[in-house]
Amino acid sequence: MQERIQKILSRAGVASRRAAEKMLLQGRVSVNAEVLSELGTKADPATDTIKVDGVRIRPPQQHVYLVLNKPKGVVTTRRDPEGRTTVMDLVPPVAGLFPVGRLDVTTEGLILLTNDGAFAERVAHPRYEVPRVYHAKVRGVPDRETLARLRRGVRYEGERLAADDVRVLEADNNAWLEVTVHEGKHHEVRRLLEAVRHPVSKLKRVALGSLTTKGLQPGQFRALTPHEVRALLSSSSQSRRAGRAAARRPAHAAGAPTGRVRKGAR
């Protein structure tokens, strides 16, 4: 049965659908020796020879879902041209396995790896609004107004950044904060806190949706349970439905003035 190429590549664990679309436009994908360049192209993975960068892709026999507690200094990529340790070096070799999203080299904590492109898309794409929770050690101690600014949103180098929630966990000369975001922008938490002059010295991702690194030392991993996979998918669906409902909700439902005059008031 024919399917869109980006769907085939996603299911094979090559990349998310969005990344697969970029591969197509870059001329990196071929079907039966013909290089493709159009997004609507279809193929049959059972009968057609599909290659990416000259390597034939095959759908995985079984989907794998791993959670890794990434140590500081490890690169979130399949291969590193500088020869540094990657997240792939810390888990067993599985056909089509790739990291879901990124943590920069100095950030520790939770990273998912899978060969299920559709799952990765649901968990990583901003439109599904899966919450990401970080613990950040910052310079100084943010006051109440600064925390409120982070929730309202700030501008940093022309881009608006905002935390879904932020709270102080510990406060001495320097504070540990818990910061929740959902968009997954590049260095989002670091830039957000830099914008309010509380730069980050240590950063850990401790949760993704309902999933945490509890019980995993840095460098350790485990397989997700079927319940955890379903919970992550459910979390993404619920967040997206909530966002659509909020967009459709009349202004007065969110507490805005309705124009009505209370009885006895003039």
C-alpha atoms as a PDB file:
ATOM      1  CA  MET A   1       0.000   0.000   0.000  1.00  0.00           C
ATOM      2  CA  GLN A   2       1.348   3.401  -0.976  1.00  0.00           C
ATOM      3  CA  GLU A   3       1.990   6.053   1.661  1.00  0.00           C
ATOM      4  CA  ARG A   4       3.572   9.490   1.720  1.00  0.00           C
ATOM      5  CA  ILE A   5       7.363   9.244   1.887  1.00  0.00           C
ATOM      6  CA  GLN A   6       7.624  11.345   5.045  1.00  0.00           C
ATOM      7  CA  LYS A   7       5.222   8.972   6.840  1.00  0.00           C
ATOM      8  CA  ILE A   8       7.272   5.954   5.763  1.00  0.00           C
ATOM      9  CA  LEU A   9      10.513   7.544   6.983  1.00  0.00           C
ATOM     10  CA  SER A  10       8.862   8.523  10.264  1.00  0.00           C
ATOM     11  CA  ARG A  11       7.545   5.008  10.945  1.00  0.00           C
ATOM     12  CA  ALA A  12      10.955   3.555  10.044  1.00  0.00           C
ATOM     13  CA  GLY A  13      12.541   5.707  12.738  1.00  0.00           C
ATOM     14  CA  VAL A  14      14.658   7.713  10.293  1.00  0.00           C
ATOM     15  CA  ALA A  15      13.314  11.067  11.453  1.00  0.00           C
ATOM     16  CA  SER A  16      10.161  12.905  12.428  1.00  0.00           C
ATOM     17  CA  ARG A  17       7.801  13.805   9.578  1.00  0.00           C
ATOM     18  CA  ARG A  18       8.920  17.426   9.662  1.00  0.00           C
ATOM     19  CA  ALA A  19      12.599  16.426   9.449  1.00  0.00           C
ATOM     20  CA  ALA A  20      11.746  13.921   6.693  1.00  0.00           C
ATOM     21  CA  GLU A  21      10.158  16.734   4.676  1.00  0.00           C
ATOM     22  CA  LYS A  22      13.439  18.669   4.881  1.00  0.00           C
ATOM     23  CA  MET A  23      15.324  15.578   3.697  1.00  0.00           C
ATOM     24  CA  LEU A  24      13.032  15.358   0.668  1.00  0.00           C
ATOM     25  CA  LEU A  25      13.502  19.017  -0.248  1.00  0.00           C
ATOM     26  CA  GLN A  26      17.284  18.590   0.115  1.00  0.00           C
ATOM     27  CA  GLY A  27      17.270  15.757  -2.435  1.00  0.00           C
ATOM     28  CA  ARG A  28      18.484  13.168   0.072  1.00  0.00           C
ATOM     29  CA  VAL A  29      15.692  10.635  -0.560  1.00  0.00           C
ATOM     30  CA  SER A  30      15.296   8.307  -3.528  1.00  0.00           C
ATOM     31  CA  VAL A  31      12.709   5.707  -4.563  1.00  0.00           C
ATOM     32  CA  ASN A  32      13.789   3.021  -7.015  1.00  0.00           C
ATOM     33  CA  ALA A  33      16.947   5.060  -7.799  1.00  0.00           C
ATOM     34  CA  GLU A  34      14.936   8.218  -8.610  1.00  0.00           C
ATOM     35  CA  VAL A  35      15.810  11.200  -6.389  1.00  0.00           C
ATOM     36  CA  LEU A  36      12.697  12.883  -4.982  1.00  0.00           C
ATOM     37  CA  SER A  37      12.080  16.567  -4.360  1.00  0.00           C
ATOM     38  CA  GLU A  38       8.296  16.896  -3.879  1.00  0.00           C
ATOM     39  CA  LEU A  39       6.507  16.482  -0.543  1.00  0.00           C
ATOM     40  CA  GLY A  40       3.428  14.721  -1.914  1.00  0.00           C
ATOM     41  CA  THR A  41       5.336  11.753  -3.363  1.00  0.00           C
ATOM     42  CA  LYS A  42       4.114   8.301  -2.314  1.00  0.00           C
ATOM     43  CA  ALA A  43       5.702   4.850  -2.307  1.00  0.00           C
ATOM     44  CA  ASP A  44       5.018   1.304  -1.159  1.00  0.00           C
ATOM     45  CA  PRO A  45       7.583   0.278   1.500  1.00  0.00           C
ATOM     46  CA  ALA A  46       6.830  -3.401   0.796  1.00  0.00           C
ATOM     47  CA  THR A  47       7.804  -3.258  -2.901  1.00  0.00           C
ATOM     48  CA  ASP A  48       9.798  -0.041  -3.502  1.00  0.00           C
ATOM     49  CA  THR A  49      13.471   0.532  -2.712  1.00  0.00           C
ATOM     50  CA  ILE A  50      13.615   3.641  -0.550  1.00  0.00           C
ATOM     51  CA  LYS A  51      16.990   5.147   0.332  1.00  0.00           C
ATOM     52  CA  VAL A  52      18.162   8.085   2.435  1.00  0.00           C
ATOM     53  CA  ASP A  53      21.660   9.352   1.662  1.00  0.00           C
ATOM     54  CA  GLY A  54      22.172   6.192  -0.380  1.00  0.00           C
ATOM     55  CA  VAL A  55      21.284   3.828   2.473  1.00  0.00           C
ATOM     56  CA  ARG A  56      18.182   1.674   2.126  1.00  0.00           C
ATOM     57  CA  ILE A  57      15.663   2.069   4.910  1.00  0.00           C
ATOM     58  CA  ARG A  58      13.594  -0.753   6.314  1.00  0.00           C
ATOM     59  CA  PRO A  59      10.672  -0.428   8.726  1.00  0.00           C
ATOM     60  CA  PRO A  60      11.617  -1.634  12.225  1.00  0.00           C
ATOM     61  CA  GLN A  61      10.298  -5.002  13.315  1.00  0.00           C
ATOM     62  CA  GLN A  62       9.358  -3.682  16.742  1.00  0.00           C
ATOM     63  CA  HIS A  63       9.111  -0.239  18.270  1.00  0.00           C
ATOM     64  CA  VAL A  64      11.493   0.570  21.111  1.00  0.00           C
ATOM     65  CA  TYR A  65      11.064   3.351  23.691  1.00  0.00           C
ATOM     66  CA  LEU A  66      13.927   4.198  26.070  1.00  0.00           C
ATOM     67  CA  VAL A  67      14.412   6.895  28.696  1.00  0.00           C
ATOM     68  CA  LEU A  68      18.009   7.907  29.437  1.00  0.00           C
ATOM     69  CA  ASN A  69      19.382  10.116  32.208  1.00  0.00           C
ATOM     70  CA  LYS A  70      21.921  11.963  30.075  1.00  0.00           C
ATOM     71  CA  PRO A  71      25.128  12.978  31.857  1.00  0.00           C
ATOM     72  CA  LYS A  72      26.776  16.354  31.333  1.00  0.00           C
ATOM     73  CA  GLY A  73      29.264  16.284  28.453  1.00  0.00           C
ATOM     74  CA  VAL A  74      27.322  13.776  26.334  1.00  0.00           C
ATOM     75  CA  VAL A  75      26.080  14.933  22.918  1.00  0.00           C
ATOM     76  CA  THR A  76      22.446  14.406  21.880  1.00  0.00           C
ATOM     77  CA  THR A  77      23.016  13.138  18.363  1.00  0.00           C
ATOM     78  CA  ARG A  78      23.470   9.863  16.491  1.00  0.00           C
ATOM     79  CA  ARG A  79      27.051  10.618  15.498  1.00  0.00           C
ATOM     80  CA  ASP A  80      29.498  13.340  16.476  1.00  0.00           C
ATOM     81  CA  PRO A  81      32.177  14.483  14.002  1.00  0.00           C
ATOM     82  CA  GLU A  82      34.377  15.531  16.940  1.00  0.00           C
ATOM     83  CA  GLY A  83      34.355  12.018  18.358  1.00  0.00           C
ATOM     84  CA  ARG A  84      32.608  12.939  21.605  1.00  0.00           C
ATOM     85  CA  THR A  85      30.404  10.480  23.504  1.00  0.00           C
ATOM     86  CA  THR A  86      26.832  10.537  22.220  1.00  0.00           C
ATOM     87  CA  VAL A  87      23.587   9.309  23.755  1.00  0.00           C
ATOM     88  CA  MET A  88      23.741   6.410  21.282  1.00  0.00           C
ATOM     89  CA  ASP A  89      26.913   5.173  22.984  1.00  0.00           C
ATOM     90  CA  LEU A  90      24.986   4.740  26.253  1.00  0.00           C
ATOM     91  CA  VAL A  91      22.176   2.497  24.955  1.00  0.00           C
ATOM     92  CA  PRO A  92      22.073  -0.821  23.059  1.00  0.00           C
ATOM     93  CA  PRO A  93      22.288  -0.721  19.242  1.00  0.00           C
ATOM     94  CA  VAL A  94      18.744  -0.828  17.857  1.00  0.00           C
ATOM     95  CA  ALA A  95      17.864  -0.397  14.179  1.00  0.00           C
ATOM     96  CA  GLY A  96      16.497   3.080  13.502  1.00  0.00           C
ATOM     97  CA  LEU A  97      16.933   4.334  17.089  1.00  0.00           C
ATOM     98  CA  PHE A  98      17.279   8.118  17.469  1.00  0.00           C
ATOM     99  CA  PRO A  99      17.000  10.721  20.259  1.00  0.00           C
ATOM    100  CA  VAL A 100      13.722  12.624  20.601  1.00  0.00           C
ATOM    101  CA  GLY A 101      14.614  16.311  20.621  1.00  0.00           C
ATOM    102  CA  ARG A 102      17.859  17.617  22.080  1.00  0.00           C
ATOM    103  CA  LEU A 103      19.605  18.530  25.294  1.00  0.00           C
ATOM    104  CA  ASP A 104      22.730  20.630  24.847  1.00  0.00           C
ATOM    105  CA  VAL A 105      26.063  19.125  25.829  1.00  0.00           C
ATOM    106  CA  THR A 106      26.188  20.830  29.253  1.00  0.00           C
ATOM    107  CA  THR A 107      22.583  19.965  30.190  1.00  0.00           C
ATOM    108  CA  GLU A 108      21.828  16.776  32.116  1.00  0.00           C
ATOM    109  CA  GLY A 109      18.687  14.725  32.482  1.00  0.00           C
ATOM    110  CA  LEU A 110      15.818  13.078  30.709  1.00  0.00           C
ATOM    111  CA  ILE A 111      16.070  12.256  27.019  1.00  0.00           C
ATOM    112  CA  LEU A 112      13.901   9.783  25.112  1.00  0.00           C
ATOM    113  CA  LEU A 113      15.175   7.488  22.364  1.00  0.00           C
ATOM    114  CA  THR A 114      12.922   5.570  19.994  1.00  0.00           C
ATOM    115  CA  ASN A 115      12.617   4.112  16.518  1.00  0.00           C
ATOM    116  CA  ASP A 116       8.962   5.212  16.303  1.00  0.00           C
ATOM    117  CA  GLY A 117       8.870   8.443  14.300  1.00  0.00           C
ATOM    118  CA  ALA A 118       5.152   9.069  14.881  1.00  0.00           C
ATOM    119  CA  PHE A 119       5.643   8.792  18.653  1.00  0.00           C
ATOM    120  CA  ALA A 120       8.606  11.169  18.522  1.00  0.00           C
ATOM    121  CA  GLU A 121       6.523  13.714  16.594  1.00  0.00           C
ATOM    122  CA  ARG A 122       3.714  13.572  19.162  1.00  0.00           C
ATOM    123  CA  VAL A 123       6.077  14.040  22.088  1.00  0.00           C
ATOM    124  CA  ALA A 124       8.479  16.629  20.661  1.00  0.00           C
ATOM    125  CA  HIS A 125       6.432  18.948  18.452  1.00  0.00           C
ATOM    126  CA  PRO A 126       5.428  22.234  20.150  1.00  0.00           C
ATOM    127  CA  ARG A 127       1.821  22.012  18.934  1.00  0.00           C
ATOM    128  CA  TYR A 128       1.199  19.042  21.255  1.00  0.00           C
ATOM    129  CA  GLU A 129       2.373  21.067  24.283  1.00  0.00           C
ATOM    130  CA  VAL A 130       3.906  18.214  26.272  1.00  0.00           C
ATOM    131  CA  PRO A 131       5.377  19.900  29.388  1.00  0.00           C
ATOM    132  CA  ARG A 132       9.132  19.762  29.994  1.00  0.00           C
ATOM    133  CA  VAL A 133      10.294  20.345  33.575  1.00  0.00           C
ATOM    134  CA  TYR A 134      13.813  21.575  34.369  1.00  0.00           C
ATOM    135  CA  HIS A 135      15.775  22.251  37.551  1.00  0.00           C
ATOM    136  CA  ALA A 136      18.082  25.225  37.038  1.00  0.00           C
ATOM    137  CA  LYS A 137      20.739  26.618  39.343  1.00  0.00           C
ATOM    138  CA  VAL A 138      20.968  30.352  38.687  1.00  0.00           C
ATOM    139  CA  ARG A 139      23.074  33.264  39.819  1.00  0.00           C
ATOM    140  CA  GLY A 140      21.302  35.149  42.582  1.00  0.00           C
ATOM    141  CA  VAL A 141      17.738  34.672  43.808  1.00  0.00           C
ATOM    142  CA  PRO A 142      14.845  35.905  41.618  1.00  0.00           C
ATOM    143  CA  ASP A 143      12.257  37.975  43.482  1.00  0.00           C
ATOM    144  CA  ARG A 144       8.489  37.531  43.156  1.00  0.00           C
ATOM    145  CA  GLU A 145       8.145  40.112  40.384  1.00  0.00           C
ATOM    146  CA  THR A 146      10.905  38.441  38.348  1.00  0.00           C
ATOM    147  CA  LEU A 147       9.125  35.086  38.631  1.00  0.00           C
ATOM    148  CA  ALA A 148       5.917  36.773  37.460  1.00  0.00           C
ATOM    149  CA  ARG A 149       7.783  38.276  34.486  1.00  0.00           C
ATOM    150  CA  LEU A 150       9.031  34.835  33.490  1.00  0.00           C
ATOM    151  CA  ARG A 151       5.440  33.538  33.459  1.00  0.00           C
ATOM    152  CA  ARG A 152       4.147  36.562  31.523  1.00  0.00           C
ATOM    153  CA  GLY A 153       6.944  36.332  28.989  1.00  0.00           C
ATOM    154  CA  VAL A 154      10.112  38.273  28.189  1.00  0.00           C
ATOM    155  CA  ARG A 155      11.927  39.367  25.031  1.00  0.00           C
ATOM    156  CA  TYR A 156      15.384  37.978  24.338  1.00  0.00           C
ATOM    157  CA  GLU A 157      17.238  38.934  21.158  1.00  0.00           C
ATOM    158  CA  GLY A 158      13.927  39.786  19.494  1.00  0.00           C
ATOM    159  CA  GLU A 159      12.157  36.530  20.464  1.00  0.00           C
ATOM    160  CA  ARG A 160       9.398  36.136  23.022  1.00  0.00           C
ATOM    161  CA  LEU A 161      10.058  33.454  25.632  1.00  0.00           C
ATOM    162  CA  ALA A 162       7.830  32.431  28.551  1.00  0.00           C
ATOM    163  CA  ALA A 163       7.649  29.784  31.260  1.00  0.00           C
ATOM    164  CA  ASP A 164       4.425  27.866  31.798  1.00  0.00           C
ATOM    165  CA  ASP A 165       5.388  27.882  35.472  1.00  0.00           C
ATOM    166  CA  VAL A 166       8.433  28.686  37.610  1.00  0.00           C
ATOM    167  CA  ARG A 167       9.088  28.396  41.334  1.00  0.00           C
ATOM    168  CA  VAL A 168      12.001  28.589  43.743  1.00  0.00           C
ATOM    169  CA  LEU A 169      13.141  25.215  45.124  1.00  0.00           C
ATOM    170  CA  GLU A 170      16.108  26.430  47.189  1.00  0.00           C
ATOM    171  CA  ALA A 171      17.373  29.922  47.916  1.00  0.00           C
ATOM    172  CA  ASP A 172      20.776  30.698  49.394  1.00  0.00           C
ATOM    173  CA  ASN A 173      23.267  33.005  47.700  1.00  0.00           C
ATOM    174  CA  ASN A 174      22.163  31.348  44.468  1.00  0.00           C
ATOM    175  CA  ALA A 175      18.817  29.674  43.796  1.00  0.00           C
ATOM    176  CA  TRP A 176      17.601  26.390  42.359  1.00  0.00           C
ATOM    177  CA  LEU A 177      14.466  26.947  40.275  1.00  0.00           C
ATOM    178  CA  GLU A 178      11.917  24.560  38.795  1.00  0.00           C
ATOM    179  CA  VAL A 179      10.954  25.782  35.334  1.00  0.00           C
ATOM    180  CA  THR A 180       8.211  24.264  33.167  1.00  0.00           C
ATOM    181  CA  VAL A 181       8.013  24.978  29.424  1.00  0.00           C
ATOM    182  CA  HIS A 182       6.401  23.196  26.496  1.00  0.00           C
ATOM    183  CA  GLU A 183       7.770  24.650  23.259  1.00  0.00           C
ATOM    184  CA  GLY A 184      11.266  23.163  23.296  1.00  0.00           C
ATOM    185  CA  LYS A 185      12.931  26.183  21.674  1.00  0.00           C
ATOM    186  CA  HIS A 186      16.707  26.251  21.277  1.00  0.00           C
ATOM    187  CA  HIS A 187      18.341  26.793  24.719  1.00  0.00           C
ATOM    188  CA  GLU A 188      14.935  28.018  25.868  1.00  0.00           C
ATOM    189  CA  VAL A 189      15.409  27.836  29.643  1.00  0.00           C
ATOM    190  CA  ARG A 190      18.941  29.244  29.549  1.00  0.00           C
ATOM    191  CA  ARG A 191      17.894  32.207  27.381  1.00  0.00           C
ATOM    192  CA  LEU A 192      14.753  32.811  29.429  1.00  0.00           C
ATOM    193  CA  LEU A 193      16.732  33.169  32.662  1.00  0.00           C
ATOM    194  CA  GLU A 194      19.525  35.116  30.998  1.00  0.00           C
ATOM    195  CA  ALA A 195      16.888  37.645  29.922  1.00  0.00           C
ATOM    196  CA  VAL A 196      16.049  38.418  33.580  1.00  0.00           C
ATOM    197  CA  ARG A 197      19.743  38.514  34.580  1.00  0.00           C
ATOM    198  CA  HIS A 198      19.805  35.239  36.458  1.00  0.00           C
ATOM    199  CA  PRO A 199      22.081  33.162  34.186  1.00  0.00           C
ATOM    200  CA  VAL A 200      22.083  29.381  34.541  1.00  0.00           C
ATOM    201  CA  SER A 201      25.133  27.566  35.924  1.00  0.00           C
ATOM    202  CA  LYS A 202      23.576  24.068  36.054  1.00  0.00           C
ATOM    203  CA  LEU A 203      20.578  22.659  34.197  1.00  0.00           C
ATOM    204  CA  LYS A 204      18.773  19.322  34.429  1.00  0.00           C
ATOM    205  CA  ARG A 205      15.619  18.115  32.690  1.00  0.00           C
ATOM    206  CA  VAL A 206      13.771  16.104  35.321  1.00  0.00           C
ATOM    207  CA  ALA A 207      10.431  15.369  33.616  1.00  0.00           C
ATOM    208  CA  LEU A 208       8.710  15.117  30.251  1.00  0.00           C
ATOM    209  CA  GLY A 209       4.957  14.903  30.616  1.00  0.00           C
ATOM    210  CA  SER A 210       4.367  12.292  33.333  1.00  0.00           C
ATOM    211  CA  LEU A 211       7.779  10.670  32.777  1.00  0.00           C
ATOM    212  CA  THR A 212      10.714  11.352  35.148  1.00  0.00           C
ATOM    213  CA  THR A 213      14.309  10.210  35.698  1.00  0.00           C
ATOM    214  CA  LYS A 214      13.457   8.757  39.113  1.00  0.00           C
ATOM    215  CA  GLY A 215      15.652   5.740  39.883  1.00  0.00           C
ATOM    216  CA  LEU A 216      18.105   6.436  37.054  1.00  0.00           C
ATOM    217  CA  GLN A 217      21.657   7.558  37.806  1.00  0.00           C
ATOM    218  CA  PRO A 218      23.425   9.683  35.157  1.00  0.00           C
ATOM    219  CA  GLY A 219      24.234   7.406  32.218  1.00  0.00           C
ATOM    220  CA  GLN A 220      21.561   4.826  33.091  1.00  0.00           C
ATOM    221  CA  PHE A 221      18.532   4.038  30.931  1.00  0.00           C
ATOM    222  CA  ARG A 222      15.474   1.802  30.946  1.00  0.00           C
ATOM    223  CA  ALA A 223      12.644   0.839  28.621  1.00  0.00           C
ATOM    224  CA  LEU A 224       9.328   2.615  28.964  1.00  0.00           C
ATOM    225  CA  THR A 225       6.372   0.518  30.005  1.00  0.00           C
ATOM    226  CA  PRO A 226       3.356   0.324  27.667  1.00  0.00           C
ATOM    227  CA  HIS A 227       1.458   2.397  30.243  1.00  0.00           C
ATOM    228  CA  GLU A 228       4.118   5.147  30.117  1.00  0.00           C
ATOM    229  CA  VAL A 229       4.011   5.236  26.310  1.00  0.00           C
ATOM    230  CA  ARG A 230       0.218   5.565  26.373  1.00  0.00           C
ATOM    231  CA  ALA A 231       0.425   8.241  29.093  1.00  0.00           C
ATOM    232  CA  LEU A 232       2.795  10.370  27.008  1.00  0.00           C
ATOM    233  CA  LEU A 233       0.571  10.074  23.950  1.00  0.00           C
ATOM    234  CA  SER A 234      -2.484  10.850  26.071  1.00  0.00           C
ATOM    235  CA  SER A 235      -0.735  13.871  27.587  1.00  0.00           C
ATOM    236  CA  SER A 236      -0.007  15.285  24.136  1.00  0.00           C
ATOM    237  CA  SER A 237      -3.620  14.755  23.015  1.00  0.00           C
ATOM    238  CA  GLN A 238      -5.098  16.353  26.129  1.00  0.00           C
ATOM    239  CA  SER A 239      -2.778  19.378  25.920  1.00  0.00           C
ATOM    240  CA  ARG A 240      -3.655  19.938  22.290  1.00  0.00           C
ATOM    241  CA  ARG A 241      -7.416  19.642  22.956  1.00  0.00           C
ATOM    242  CA  ALA A 242      -7.100  22.069  25.858  1.00  0.00           C
ATOM    243  CA  GLY A 243      -5.309  24.552  23.622  1.00  0.00           C
ATOM    244  CA  ARG A 244      -8.001  24.325  20.937  1.00  0.00           C
ATOM    245  CA  ALA A 245     -10.747  24.744  23.552  1.00  0.00           C
ATOM    246  CA  ALA A 246      -9.041  27.837  24.973  1.00  0.00           C
ATOM    247  CA  ALA A 247      -8.772  29.335  21.502  1.00  0.00           C
ATOM    248  CA  ARG A 248     -12.523  28.829  20.907  1.00  0.00           C
ATOM    249  CA  ARG A 249     -13.587  30.034  24.362  1.00  0.00           C
ATOM    250  CA  PRO A 250     -15.378  33.423  24.422  1.00  0.00           C
ATOM    251  CA  ALA A 251     -13.420  36.235  26.055  1.00  0.00           C
ATOM    252  CA  HIS A 252     -15.761  36.492  29.062  1.00  0.00           C
ATOM    253  CA  ALA A 253     -15.178  32.797  29.850  1.00  0.00           C
ATOM    254  CA  ALA A 254     -11.556  33.592  30.648  1.00  0.00           C
ATOM    255  CA  GLY A 255     -12.537  36.260  33.134  1.00  0.00           C
ATOM    256  CA  ALA A 256     -12.537  39.248  30.766  1.00  0.00           C
ATOM    257  CA  PRO A 257     -15.193  41.964  31.311  1.00  0.00           C
ATOM    258  CA  THR A 258     -18.508  41.060  29.714  1.00  0.00           C
ATOM    259  CA  GLY A 259     -19.985  44.534  29.628  1.00  0.00           C
ATOM    260  CA  ARG A 260     -22.749  43.619  32.077  1.00  0.00           C
ATOM    261  CA  VAL A 261     -23.552  45.884  35.001  1.00  0.00           C
ATOM    262  CA  ARG A 262     -23.959  44.161  38.349  1.00  0.00           C
ATOM    263  CA  LYS A 263     -27.309  44.587  40.051  1.00  0.00           C
ATOM    264  CA  GLY A 264     -27.282  47.749  42.128  1.00  0.00           C
ATOM    265  CA  ALA A 265     -24.179  49.139  40.444  1.00  0.00           C
ATOM    266  CA  ARG A 266     -24.005  52.177  38.158  1.00  0.00           C
END
